[in-house]
C-alpha atoms as a PDB file:
ATOM      1  CA  UNK A   1     -31.816 121.025   9.197  1.00  0.00           C
ATOM      2  CA  UNK A   2     -32.378 118.507  11.977  1.00  0.00           C
ATOM      3  CA  UNK A   3     -33.595 115.160  10.688  1.00  0.00           C
ATOM      4  CA  UNK A   4     -36.976 114.570  12.199  1.00  0.00           C
ATOM      5  CA  UNK A   5     -37.971 111.306  10.519  1.00  0.00           C
ATOM      6  CA  UNK A   6     -35.626 108.433   9.681  1.00  0.00           C
ATOM      7  CA  UNK A   7     -36.699 105.467   7.557  1.00  0.00           C
ATOM      8  CA  UNK A   8     -34.449 102.398   7.304  1.00  0.00           C
ATOM      9  CA  UNK A   9     -35.419 100.099   4.434  1.00  0.00           C
ATOM     10  CA  UNK A  10     -33.814  96.661   4.787  1.00  0.00           C
ATOM     11  CA  UNK A  11     -34.112  93.824   2.311  1.00  0.00           C
ATOM     12  CA  UNK A  12     -34.079  90.399   3.935  1.00  0.00           C
ATOM     13  CA  UNK A  13     -30.776  88.476   3.961  1.00  0.00           C
ATOM     14  CA  UNK A  14     -29.928  85.856   1.334  1.00  0.00           C
ATOM     15  CA  UNK A  15     -32.327  82.925   1.595  1.00  0.00           C
ATOM     16  CA  UNK A  16     -31.998  79.279   0.716  1.00  0.00           C
ATOM     17  CA  UNK A  17     -33.636  77.653  -2.271  1.00  0.00           C
ATOM     18  CA  UNK A  18     -32.308  74.203  -1.307  1.00  0.00           C
ATOM     19  CA  UNK A  19     -35.680  72.683  -0.462  1.00  0.00           C
ATOM     20  CA  UNK A  20     -38.379  72.927  -3.134  1.00  0.00           C
ATOM     21  CA  UNK A  21     -40.961  71.552  -0.687  1.00  0.00           C
ATOM     22  CA  UNK A  22     -40.789  74.671   1.483  1.00  0.00           C
ATOM     23  CA  UNK A  23     -43.380  77.383   0.827  1.00  0.00           C
ATOM     24  CA  UNK A  24     -41.989  80.778  -0.189  1.00  0.00           C
ATOM     25  CA  UNK A  25     -43.023  82.381   3.099  1.00  0.00           C
ATOM     26  CA  UNK A  26     -41.103  79.697   5.032  1.00  0.00           C
ATOM     27  CA  UNK A  27     -37.764  79.807   3.191  1.00  0.00           C
ATOM     28  CA  UNK A  28     -34.856  80.022   5.671  1.00  0.00           C
ATOM     29  CA  UNK A  29     -31.685  82.108   5.486  1.00  0.00           C
ATOM     30  CA  UNK A  30     -28.411  80.796   4.089  1.00  0.00           C
ATOM     31  CA  UNK A  31     -25.308  80.937   6.293  1.00  0.00           C
ATOM     32  CA  UNK A  32     -23.912  83.714   4.086  1.00  0.00           C
ATOM     33  CA  UNK A  33     -27.134  85.676   4.573  1.00  0.00           C
ATOM     34  CA  UNK A  34     -26.868  85.381   8.343  1.00  0.00           C
ATOM     35  CA  UNK A  35     -23.250  86.592   8.274  1.00  0.00           C
ATOM     36  CA  UNK A  36     -24.143  89.553   6.013  1.00  0.00           C
ATOM     37  CA  UNK A  37     -27.101  90.533   8.219  1.00  0.00           C
ATOM     38  CA  UNK A  38     -24.857  90.633  11.299  1.00  0.00           C
ATOM     39  CA  UNK A  39     -22.276  92.682   9.391  1.00  0.00           C
ATOM     40  CA  UNK A  40     -24.770  95.319   8.209  1.00  0.00           C
ATOM     41  CA  UNK A  41     -26.456  95.517  11.629  1.00  0.00           C
ATOM     42  CA  UNK A  42     -23.058  96.103  13.282  1.00  0.00           C
ATOM     43  CA  UNK A  43     -22.317  98.912  10.814  1.00  0.00           C
ATOM     44  CA  UNK A  44     -25.609 100.594  11.668  1.00  0.00           C
ATOM     45  CA  UNK A  45     -24.904 100.224  15.379  1.00  0.00           C
ATOM     46  CA  UNK A  46     -21.479 101.846  14.954  1.00  0.00           C
ATOM     47  CA  UNK A  47     -23.188 104.732  13.165  1.00  0.00           C
ATOM     48  CA  UNK A  48     -25.665 105.026  16.026  1.00  0.00           C
ATOM     49  CA  UNK A  49     -28.543 104.391  13.646  1.00  0.00           C
ATOM     50  CA  UNK A  50     -30.765 102.232  15.861  1.00  0.00           C
ATOM     51  CA  UNK A  51     -34.487 102.672  15.150  1.00  0.00           C
ATOM     52  CA  UNK A  52     -37.253 103.362  17.658  1.00  0.00           C
ATOM     53  CA  UNK A  53     -39.479 100.831  15.914  1.00  0.00           C
ATOM     54  CA  UNK A  54     -38.859  97.670  13.861  1.00  0.00           C
ATOM     55  CA  UNK A  55     -41.498  96.219  11.541  1.00  0.00           C
ATOM     56  CA  UNK A  56     -40.977  93.008   9.547  1.00  0.00           C
ATOM     57  CA  UNK A  57     -42.652  90.992   6.863  1.00  0.00           C
ATOM     58  CA  UNK A  58     -43.984  87.698   8.255  1.00  0.00           C
ATOM     59  CA  UNK A  59     -41.780  85.700   5.856  1.00  0.00           C
ATOM     60  CA  UNK A  60     -39.240  83.578   7.726  1.00  0.00           C
ATOM     61  CA  UNK A  61     -36.269  85.092   5.872  1.00  0.00           C
ATOM     62  CA  UNK A  62     -37.334  88.683   6.646  1.00  0.00           C
ATOM     63  CA  UNK A  63     -38.273  87.950  10.242  1.00  0.00           C
ATOM     64  CA  UNK A  64     -34.973  86.130  10.893  1.00  0.00           C
ATOM     65  CA  UNK A  65     -33.094  89.111   9.413  1.00  0.00           C
ATOM     66  CA  UNK A  66     -35.105  91.506  11.612  1.00  0.00           C
ATOM     67  CA  UNK A  67     -34.301  89.436  14.715  1.00  0.00           C
ATOM     68  CA  UNK A  68     -30.573  89.565  13.905  1.00  0.00           C
ATOM     69  CA  UNK A  69     -30.710  93.351  13.515  1.00  0.00           C
ATOM     70  CA  UNK A  70     -32.784  93.715  16.702  1.00  0.00           C
ATOM     71  CA  UNK A  71     -30.262  91.715  18.730  1.00  0.00           C
ATOM     72  CA  UNK A  72     -27.280  93.674  17.429  1.00  0.00           C
ATOM     73  CA  UNK A  73     -29.041  97.023  17.827  1.00  0.00           C
ATOM     74  CA  UNK A  74     -30.245  96.034  21.324  1.00  0.00           C
ATOM     75  CA  UNK A  75     -33.869  96.475  20.328  1.00  0.00           C
ATOM     76  CA  UNK A  76     -36.347  94.631  22.594  1.00  0.00           C
ATOM     77  CA  UNK A  77     -37.449  91.503  20.715  1.00  0.00           C
ATOM     78  CA  UNK A  78     -40.979  91.516  22.212  1.00  0.00           C
ATOM     79  CA  UNK A  79     -41.526  94.919  20.564  1.00  0.00           C
ATOM     80  CA  UNK A  80     -40.619  93.690  17.070  1.00  0.00           C
ATOM     81  CA  UNK A  81     -43.756  94.012  14.933  1.00  0.00           C
ATOM     82  CA  UNK A  82     -44.878  91.728  12.141  1.00  0.00           C
ATOM     83  CA  UNK A  83     -46.985  93.300   9.410  1.00  0.00           C
ATOM     84  CA  UNK A  84     -48.465  91.335   6.504  1.00  0.00           C
ATOM     85  CA  UNK A  85     -48.361  94.468   4.321  1.00  0.00           C
ATOM     86  CA  UNK A  86     -44.587  93.941   3.970  1.00  0.00           C
ATOM     87  CA  UNK A  87     -45.020  90.513   2.292  1.00  0.00           C
ATOM     88  CA  UNK A  88     -46.216  90.000  -1.275  1.00  0.00           C
ATOM     89  CA  UNK A  89     -47.376  93.578  -1.607  1.00  0.00           C
ATOM     90  CA  UNK A  90     -47.052  96.777  -3.581  1.00  0.00           C
ATOM     91  CA  UNK A  91     -44.810  99.781  -3.047  1.00  0.00           C
ATOM     92  CA  UNK A  92     -47.936 101.926  -2.677  1.00  0.00           C
ATOM     93  CA  UNK A  93     -49.282  99.822   0.209  1.00  0.00           C
ATOM     94  CA  UNK A  94     -45.934  99.944   2.045  1.00  0.00           C
ATOM     95  CA  UNK A  95     -45.701 103.700   1.532  1.00  0.00           C
ATOM     96  CA  UNK A  96     -49.245 104.078   2.862  1.00  0.00           C
ATOM     97  CA  UNK A  97     -48.264 102.044   5.954  1.00  0.00           C
ATOM     98  CA  UNK A  98     -45.193 104.250   6.547  1.00  0.00           C
ATOM     99  CA  UNK A  99     -47.127 107.476   6.055  1.00  0.00           C
ATOM    100  CA  UNK A 100     -49.658 106.195   8.588  1.00  0.00           C
ATOM    101  CA  UNK A 101     -47.085 105.758  11.372  1.00  0.00           C
ATOM    102  CA  UNK A 102     -47.517 107.600  14.662  1.00  0.00           C
ATOM    103  CA  UNK A 103     -45.587 110.868  14.440  1.00  0.00           C
ATOM    104  CA  UNK A 104     -44.234 110.337  17.966  1.00  0.00           C
ATOM    105  CA  UNK A 105     -41.965 107.715  16.380  1.00  0.00           C
ATOM    106  CA  UNK A 106     -38.888 109.423  14.941  1.00  0.00           C
ATOM    107  CA  UNK A 107     -37.269 106.395  13.268  1.00  0.00           C
ATOM    108  CA  UNK A 108     -38.509 103.106  11.874  1.00  0.00           C
ATOM    109  CA  UNK A 109     -36.773 100.124  10.285  1.00  0.00           C
ATOM    110  CA  UNK A 110     -38.784  97.944   7.913  1.00  0.00           C
ATOM    111  CA  UNK A 111     -37.757  94.492   6.659  1.00  0.00           C
ATOM    112  CA  UNK A 112     -39.156  93.398   3.341  1.00  0.00           C
ATOM    113  CA  UNK A 113     -38.560  92.026  -0.116  1.00  0.00           C
ATOM    114  CA  UNK A 114     -37.684  93.084  -3.632  1.00  0.00           C
ATOM    115  CA  UNK A 115     -38.826  94.605  -5.873  1.00  0.00           C
ATOM    116  CA  UNK A 116     -40.675  96.676  -3.247  1.00  0.00           C
ATOM    117  CA  UNK A 117     -37.542  97.584  -1.219  1.00  0.00           C
ATOM    118  CA  UNK A 118     -35.730  98.912  -4.287  1.00  0.00           C
ATOM    119  CA  UNK A 119     -38.830 100.650  -5.664  1.00  0.00           C
ATOM    120  CA  UNK A 120     -39.539 102.297  -2.298  1.00  0.00           C
ATOM    121  CA  UNK A 121     -35.987 103.622  -1.973  1.00  0.00           C
ATOM    122  CA  UNK A 122     -36.094 104.917  -5.553  1.00  0.00           C
ATOM    123  CA  UNK A 123     -39.224 106.950  -4.769  1.00  0.00           C
ATOM    124  CA  UNK A 124     -37.076 109.145  -2.524  1.00  0.00           C
ATOM    125  CA  UNK A 125     -33.485 109.216  -3.774  1.00  0.00           C
ATOM    126  CA  UNK A 126     -32.389 111.433  -6.653  1.00  0.00           C
ATOM    127  CA  UNK A 127     -30.131 108.865  -8.369  1.00  0.00           C
ATOM    128  CA  UNK A 128     -31.984 105.540  -8.559  1.00  0.00           C
ATOM    129  CA  UNK A 129     -30.309 102.259  -7.614  1.00  0.00           C
ATOM    130  CA  UNK A 130     -30.762  99.165  -9.765  1.00  0.00           C
ATOM    131  CA  UNK A 131     -31.127  96.864  -6.785  1.00  0.00           C
ATOM    132  CA  UNK A 132     -31.086  96.882  -2.998  1.00  0.00           C
ATOM    133  CA  UNK A 133     -29.159  93.621  -2.448  1.00  0.00           C
ATOM    134  CA  UNK A 134     -30.042  91.010   0.143  1.00  0.00           C
ATOM    135  CA  UNK A 135     -29.089  92.296   3.633  1.00  0.00           C
ATOM    136  CA  UNK A 136     -28.864  95.772   2.121  1.00  0.00           C
ATOM    137  CA  UNK A 137     -30.014  98.702   4.212  1.00  0.00           C
ATOM    138  CA  UNK A 138     -30.868 102.186   2.998  1.00  0.00           C
ATOM    139  CA  UNK A 139     -31.289 104.903   5.616  1.00  0.00           C
ATOM    140  CA  UNK A 140     -33.366 107.887   4.525  1.00  0.00           C
ATOM    141  CA  UNK A 141     -33.430 111.008   6.704  1.00  0.00           C
ATOM    142  CA  UNK A 142     -36.209 113.513   6.150  1.00  0.00           C
ATOM    143  CA  UNK A 143     -36.554 117.086   7.386  1.00  0.00           C
ATOM    144  CA  UNK A 144     -40.220 116.795   8.346  1.00  0.00           C
ATOM    145  CA  UNK A 145     -42.073 116.202  11.584  1.00  0.00           C
ATOM    146  CA  UNK A 146     -44.931 114.191  10.070  1.00  0.00           C
ATOM    147  CA  UNK A 147     -44.647 110.799   8.338  1.00  0.00           C
ATOM    148  CA  UNK A 148     -47.397 111.836   5.905  1.00  0.00           C
ATOM    149  CA  UNK A 149     -45.050 114.528   4.529  1.00  0.00           C
ATOM    150  CA  UNK A 150     -42.055 112.362   3.593  1.00  0.00           C
ATOM    151  CA  UNK A 151     -41.129 112.644  -0.068  1.00  0.00           C
ATOM    152  CA  UNK A 152     -38.176 113.244  -2.369  1.00  0.00           C
ATOM    153  CA  UNK A 153     -38.283 117.024  -1.853  1.00  0.00           C
ATOM    154  CA  UNK A 154     -37.582 116.813   1.888  1.00  0.00           C
ATOM    155  CA  UNK A 155     -35.010 114.011   1.878  1.00  0.00           C
ATOM    156  CA  UNK A 156     -31.978 115.492   3.636  1.00  0.00           C
ATOM    157  CA  UNK A 157     -29.612 112.538   3.666  1.00  0.00           C
ATOM    158  CA  UNK A 158     -29.283 108.974   2.447  1.00  0.00           C
ATOM    159  CA  UNK A 159     -26.924 106.249   3.617  1.00  0.00           C
ATOM    160  CA  UNK A 160     -26.387 102.940   1.857  1.00  0.00           C
ATOM    161  CA  UNK A 161     -25.104  99.924   3.802  1.00  0.00           C
ATOM    162  CA  UNK A 162     -24.682  97.054   1.397  1.00  0.00           C
ATOM    163  CA  UNK A 163     -22.790  93.788   1.978  1.00  0.00           C
ATOM    164  CA  UNK A 164     -19.413  93.296   0.300  1.00  0.00           C
ATOM    165  CA  UNK A 165     -19.447  96.801  -1.126  1.00  0.00           C
ATOM    166  CA  UNK A 166     -22.390  95.992  -3.437  1.00  0.00           C
ATOM    167  CA  UNK A 167     -24.362  98.915  -4.833  1.00  0.00           C
END
């Protein structure tokens, strides 16, 4: 079956905890996180898995990760969306956002945080993962034409892209 909807769930890259005076939303990425984000984005580009739409949490670490992916995937930076639902939220709210996407969009990449990234992925895959690691990307391909219809029963394919072979 042709995959009609593709959801990329990306957890932000590794962030720094070096400065206790920085608010959680403003925490920056570590150098290792930046390197891992570039590595995963390049893998997705090689697999021709560029999304039509990118949506990020407003948190600095998620937004910086999204910008890295957008550059590598040659996605227009002015079209990168920021959505507060992806920060400090519930899996249900993120799922509601995804199911509310315009059906003209065939593929979307969201950048968020754990535990929501892992919980969201586990809603769809048959063998749950313990953790989507930082910079980890999970691509879910569904055989439906409507975002409202995505669920475990119509998941056709899954692809994990984790840094350093983590799973």
